[in-house]
Each structure stands twice: as C-alpha cells, then as structure tokens.
Amino acid sequence: MKSSAVDYLASKESYIMPTAFERLAAANKLAIQQGKVTGLTFPVKRKKMGKGCQFKTPRNERIAKVEAVNELRKAGMNARKAADKCGIVYAKYRHWADDLGIKCNYNSRWGDTTNL
C-alpha cells in the first residue's frame, strides 16, 4: 500500500525529538520568563520609530514643503540649501518626496532631469 509523502512525514513526527540543547534552551527561557533566574530579563520590544510609523506632519503640509523645495531647486538652488530654507532637513525632504511619489530629480547645473 502506497502513502503520500505527507502521511509518511506525519507518521515520523512522533520520532522527531528535540535535541538536548533545544530542551535546555527551552527550559532556560521558561526560567527567565518566570523570574527564577535573577539578573536576566528579555529586552522589552521597542516602539517603532522609523519605517512603518505614521508621519506626524499632515500630508498637505508635506506636499507643500516638498513642492516648495522643488521650486527652489528648479530655480538653481542646491537641494540641501533649499530644504534648509524651507525649514526641513534634506533627508526628511527626500523621505517625504519618495513617500508622496513626487519627483525630485533636479540639478541646478543641468536643469530639470526628470525626463531622462
């Protein structure tokens, strides 16, 4: 009688035992969680601070700032200086532009390069 691979593996699962190290690690983890081991704790999960967090600045303000920086850049100003003049740092300008899908490929030396 033939059986499927899934049936075969299911029949073998009772034979798969954790190694001695895996059992020891599980026992140590449980002891730490229950407070039986002094001086050791698991680190607290940190609050998301970067990717995945909601923006604190409203969307319409972000759009206005990015467009203001882009206008200064089209006029020939350096991107970092333009962002500073608009009251944001360059990294935030690029992050907002990427998130909003606004093109920001301008170069004061060669003009608008968005169509390249």
C-alpha atoms as a PDB file:
ATOM      1  CA  MET A   1       0.000   0.000   0.000  1.00  0.00           C
ATOM      2  CA  LYS A   2       1.434   3.375  -1.057  1.00  0.00           C
ATOM      3  CA  SER A   3       1.018   6.513   1.013  1.00  0.00           C
ATOM      4  CA  SER A   4       1.667  10.141   0.291  1.00  0.00           C
ATOM      5  CA  ALA A   5       4.749  11.986   1.482  1.00  0.00           C
ATOM      6  CA  VAL A   6       2.610  13.981   3.929  1.00  0.00           C
ATOM      7  CA  ASP A   7       1.240  10.826   5.519  1.00  0.00           C
ATOM      8  CA  TYR A   8       4.753   9.415   5.754  1.00  0.00           C
ATOM      9  CA  LEU A   9       6.110  12.544   7.475  1.00  0.00           C
ATOM     10  CA  ALA A  10       3.120  12.672   9.828  1.00  0.00           C
ATOM     11  CA  SER A  11       3.874   9.121  10.887  1.00  0.00           C
ATOM     12  CA  LYS A  12       7.513  10.059  11.588  1.00  0.00           C
ATOM     13  CA  GLU A  13       6.748  13.175  13.669  1.00  0.00           C
ATOM     14  CA  SER A  14       6.474  11.151  16.854  1.00  0.00           C
ATOM     15  CA  TYR A  15      10.079  10.068  16.354  1.00  0.00           C
ATOM     16  CA  ILE A  16      11.424  13.599  15.891  1.00  0.00           C
ATOM     17  CA  MET A  17      12.628  14.633  19.329  1.00  0.00           C
ATOM     18  CA  PRO A  18      14.268  17.909  20.264  1.00  0.00           C
ATOM     19  CA  THR A  19      17.959  17.745  20.912  1.00  0.00           C
ATOM     20  CA  ALA A  20      19.378  18.069  24.399  1.00  0.00           C
ATOM     21  CA  PHE A  21      20.466  21.633  23.620  1.00  0.00           C
ATOM     22  CA  GLU A  22      16.961  22.610  22.413  1.00  0.00           C
ATOM     23  CA  ARG A  23      15.426  21.194  25.596  1.00  0.00           C
ATOM     24  CA  LEU A  24      17.965  23.061  27.744  1.00  0.00           C
ATOM     25  CA  ALA A  25      17.368  26.312  25.854  1.00  0.00           C
ATOM     26  CA  ALA A  26      13.586  25.989  26.250  1.00  0.00           C
ATOM     27  CA  ALA A  27      13.971  25.296  29.986  1.00  0.00           C
ATOM     28  CA  ASN A  28      16.284  28.297  30.433  1.00  0.00           C
ATOM     29  CA  LYS A  29      13.930  30.579  28.525  1.00  0.00           C
ATOM     30  CA  LEU A  30      10.999  29.490  30.693  1.00  0.00           C
ATOM     31  CA  ALA A  31      13.010  30.003  33.887  1.00  0.00           C
ATOM     32  CA  ILE A  32      13.995  33.539  32.803  1.00  0.00           C
ATOM     33  CA  GLN A  33      10.399  34.400  31.871  1.00  0.00           C
ATOM     34  CA  GLN A  34       9.134  33.150  35.234  1.00  0.00           C
ATOM     35  CA  GLY A  35      11.746  35.228  37.090  1.00  0.00           C
ATOM     36  CA  LYS A  36      13.562  32.228  38.577  1.00  0.00           C
ATOM     37  CA  VAL A  37      16.885  33.486  37.206  1.00  0.00           C
ATOM     38  CA  THR A  38      17.992  36.765  38.762  1.00  0.00           C
ATOM     39  CA  GLY A  39      19.756  39.442  36.795  1.00  0.00           C
ATOM     40  CA  LEU A  40      18.477  38.315  33.393  1.00  0.00           C
ATOM     41  CA  THR A  41      15.448  39.581  31.525  1.00  0.00           C
ATOM     42  CA  PHE A  42      14.358  39.610  27.941  1.00  0.00           C
ATOM     43  CA  PRO A  43      14.572  43.037  26.307  1.00  0.00           C
ATOM     44  CA  VAL A  44      11.342  45.000  26.013  1.00  0.00           C
ATOM     45  CA  LYS A  45      10.115  45.366  22.446  1.00  0.00           C
ATOM     46  CA  ARG A  46      10.830  48.885  21.270  1.00  0.00           C
ATOM     47  CA  LYS A  47       8.231  51.180  19.819  1.00  0.00           C
ATOM     48  CA  LYS A  48       8.518  51.598  16.057  1.00  0.00           C
ATOM     49  CA  MET A  49      10.433  54.749  15.319  1.00  0.00           C
ATOM     50  CA  GLY A  50      11.350  54.533  11.665  1.00  0.00           C
ATOM     51  CA  LYS A  51       9.873  52.628   8.804  1.00  0.00           C
ATOM     52  CA  GLY A  52       6.235  51.848   9.293  1.00  0.00           C
ATOM     53  CA  CYS A  53       5.446  54.746  11.628  1.00  0.00           C
ATOM     54  CA  GLN A  54       2.801  57.305  10.778  1.00  0.00           C
ATOM     55  CA  PHE A  55       4.017  60.754   9.809  1.00  0.00           C
ATOM     56  CA  LYS A  56       3.395  63.437  12.419  1.00  0.00           C
ATOM     57  CA  THR A  57       3.188  66.164   9.774  1.00  0.00           C
ATOM     58  CA  PRO A  58      -0.104  66.217   7.839  1.00  0.00           C
ATOM     59  CA  ARG A  59       0.005  65.148   4.212  1.00  0.00           C
ATOM     60  CA  ASN A  60      -0.939  68.546   2.760  1.00  0.00           C
ATOM     61  CA  GLU A  61       1.901  70.224   4.689  1.00  0.00           C
ATOM     62  CA  ARG A  62       4.389  67.603   3.487  1.00  0.00           C
ATOM     63  CA  ILE A  63       3.277  68.116  -0.120  1.00  0.00           C
ATOM     64  CA  ALA A  64       3.603  71.901   0.228  1.00  0.00           C
ATOM     65  CA  LYS A  65       7.120  71.665   1.701  1.00  0.00           C
ATOM     66  CA  VAL A  66       8.359  69.204  -0.933  1.00  0.00           C
ATOM     67  CA  GLU A  67       6.938  71.337  -3.741  1.00  0.00           C
ATOM     68  CA  ALA A  68       8.489  74.480  -2.226  1.00  0.00           C
ATOM     69  CA  VAL A  69      11.902  72.782  -2.123  1.00  0.00           C
ATOM     70  CA  ASN A  70      11.434  71.600  -5.710  1.00  0.00           C
ATOM     71  CA  GLU A  71      10.645  75.156  -6.858  1.00  0.00           C
ATOM     72  CA  LEU A  72      13.846  76.444  -5.258  1.00  0.00           C
ATOM     73  CA  ARG A  73      15.786  73.614  -6.860  1.00  0.00           C
ATOM     74  CA  LYS A  74      14.318  74.407 -10.288  1.00  0.00           C
ATOM     75  CA  ALA A  75      15.498  77.981  -9.776  1.00  0.00           C
ATOM     76  CA  GLY A  76      19.052  76.659  -9.349  1.00  0.00           C
ATOM     77  CA  MET A  77      19.499  76.252  -5.597  1.00  0.00           C
ATOM     78  CA  ASN A  78      21.334  73.303  -4.088  1.00  0.00           C
ATOM     79  CA  ALA A  79      18.950  70.655  -2.667  1.00  0.00           C
ATOM     80  CA  ARG A  80      20.306  70.810   0.879  1.00  0.00           C
ATOM     81  CA  LYS A  81      20.217  74.595   0.960  1.00  0.00           C
ATOM     82  CA  ALA A  82      16.698  74.626  -0.482  1.00  0.00           C
ATOM     83  CA  ALA A  83      15.480  72.175   2.160  1.00  0.00           C
ATOM     84  CA  ASP A  84      17.104  74.245   4.928  1.00  0.00           C
ATOM     85  CA  LYS A  85      15.480  77.392   3.566  1.00  0.00           C
ATOM     86  CA  CYS A  86      12.075  75.660   3.688  1.00  0.00           C
ATOM     87  CA  GLY A  87      12.644  74.585   7.281  1.00  0.00           C
ATOM     88  CA  ILE A  88      13.302  70.851   6.856  1.00  0.00           C
ATOM     89  CA  VAL A  89      16.424  68.748   6.619  1.00  0.00           C
ATOM     90  CA  TYR A  90      17.439  67.188   3.311  1.00  0.00           C
ATOM     91  CA  ALA A  91      16.852  63.594   4.485  1.00  0.00           C
ATOM     92  CA  LYS A  92      13.298  64.406   5.527  1.00  0.00           C
ATOM     93  CA  TYR A  93      12.686  66.137   2.172  1.00  0.00           C
ATOM     94  CA  ARG A  94      13.830  63.031   0.266  1.00  0.00           C
ATOM     95  CA  HIS A  95      11.839  60.707   2.532  1.00  0.00           C
ATOM     96  CA  TRP A  96       8.658  62.753   2.090  1.00  0.00           C
ATOM     97  CA  ALA A  97       9.171  63.070  -1.663  1.00  0.00           C
ATOM     98  CA  ASP A  98       9.644  59.309  -2.014  1.00  0.00           C
ATOM     99  CA  ASP A  99       6.626  58.562   0.168  1.00  0.00           C
ATOM    100  CA  LEU A 100       4.395  61.022  -1.678  1.00  0.00           C
ATOM    101  CA  GLY A 101       5.633  59.934  -5.116  1.00  0.00           C
ATOM    102  CA  ILE A 102       6.797  63.436  -6.030  1.00  0.00           C
ATOM    103  CA  LYS A 103       9.678  63.567  -8.495  1.00  0.00           C
ATOM    104  CA  CYS A 104      12.664  65.464  -7.171  1.00  0.00           C
ATOM    105  CA  ASN A 105      15.322  64.966  -9.831  1.00  0.00           C
ATOM    106  CA  TYR A 106      16.528  68.499 -10.457  1.00  0.00           C
ATOM    107  CA  ASN A 107      20.053  69.668 -10.941  1.00  0.00           C
ATOM    108  CA  SER A 108      20.968  73.320 -10.878  1.00  0.00           C
ATOM    109  CA  ARG A 109      23.826  72.648 -13.291  1.00  0.00           C
ATOM    110  CA  TRP A 110      21.841  70.820 -15.977  1.00  0.00           C
ATOM    111  CA  GLY A 111      18.288  71.935 -15.289  1.00  0.00           C
ATOM    112  CA  ASP A 112      15.301  69.605 -14.919  1.00  0.00           C
ATOM    113  CA  THR A 113      16.377  65.964 -15.300  1.00  0.00           C
ATOM    114  CA  THR A 114      13.020  64.299 -14.582  1.00  0.00           C
ATOM    115  CA  ASN A 115      12.536  63.350 -18.235  1.00  0.00           C
ATOM    116  CA  LEU A 116      15.830  61.477 -18.579  1.00  0.00           C
END
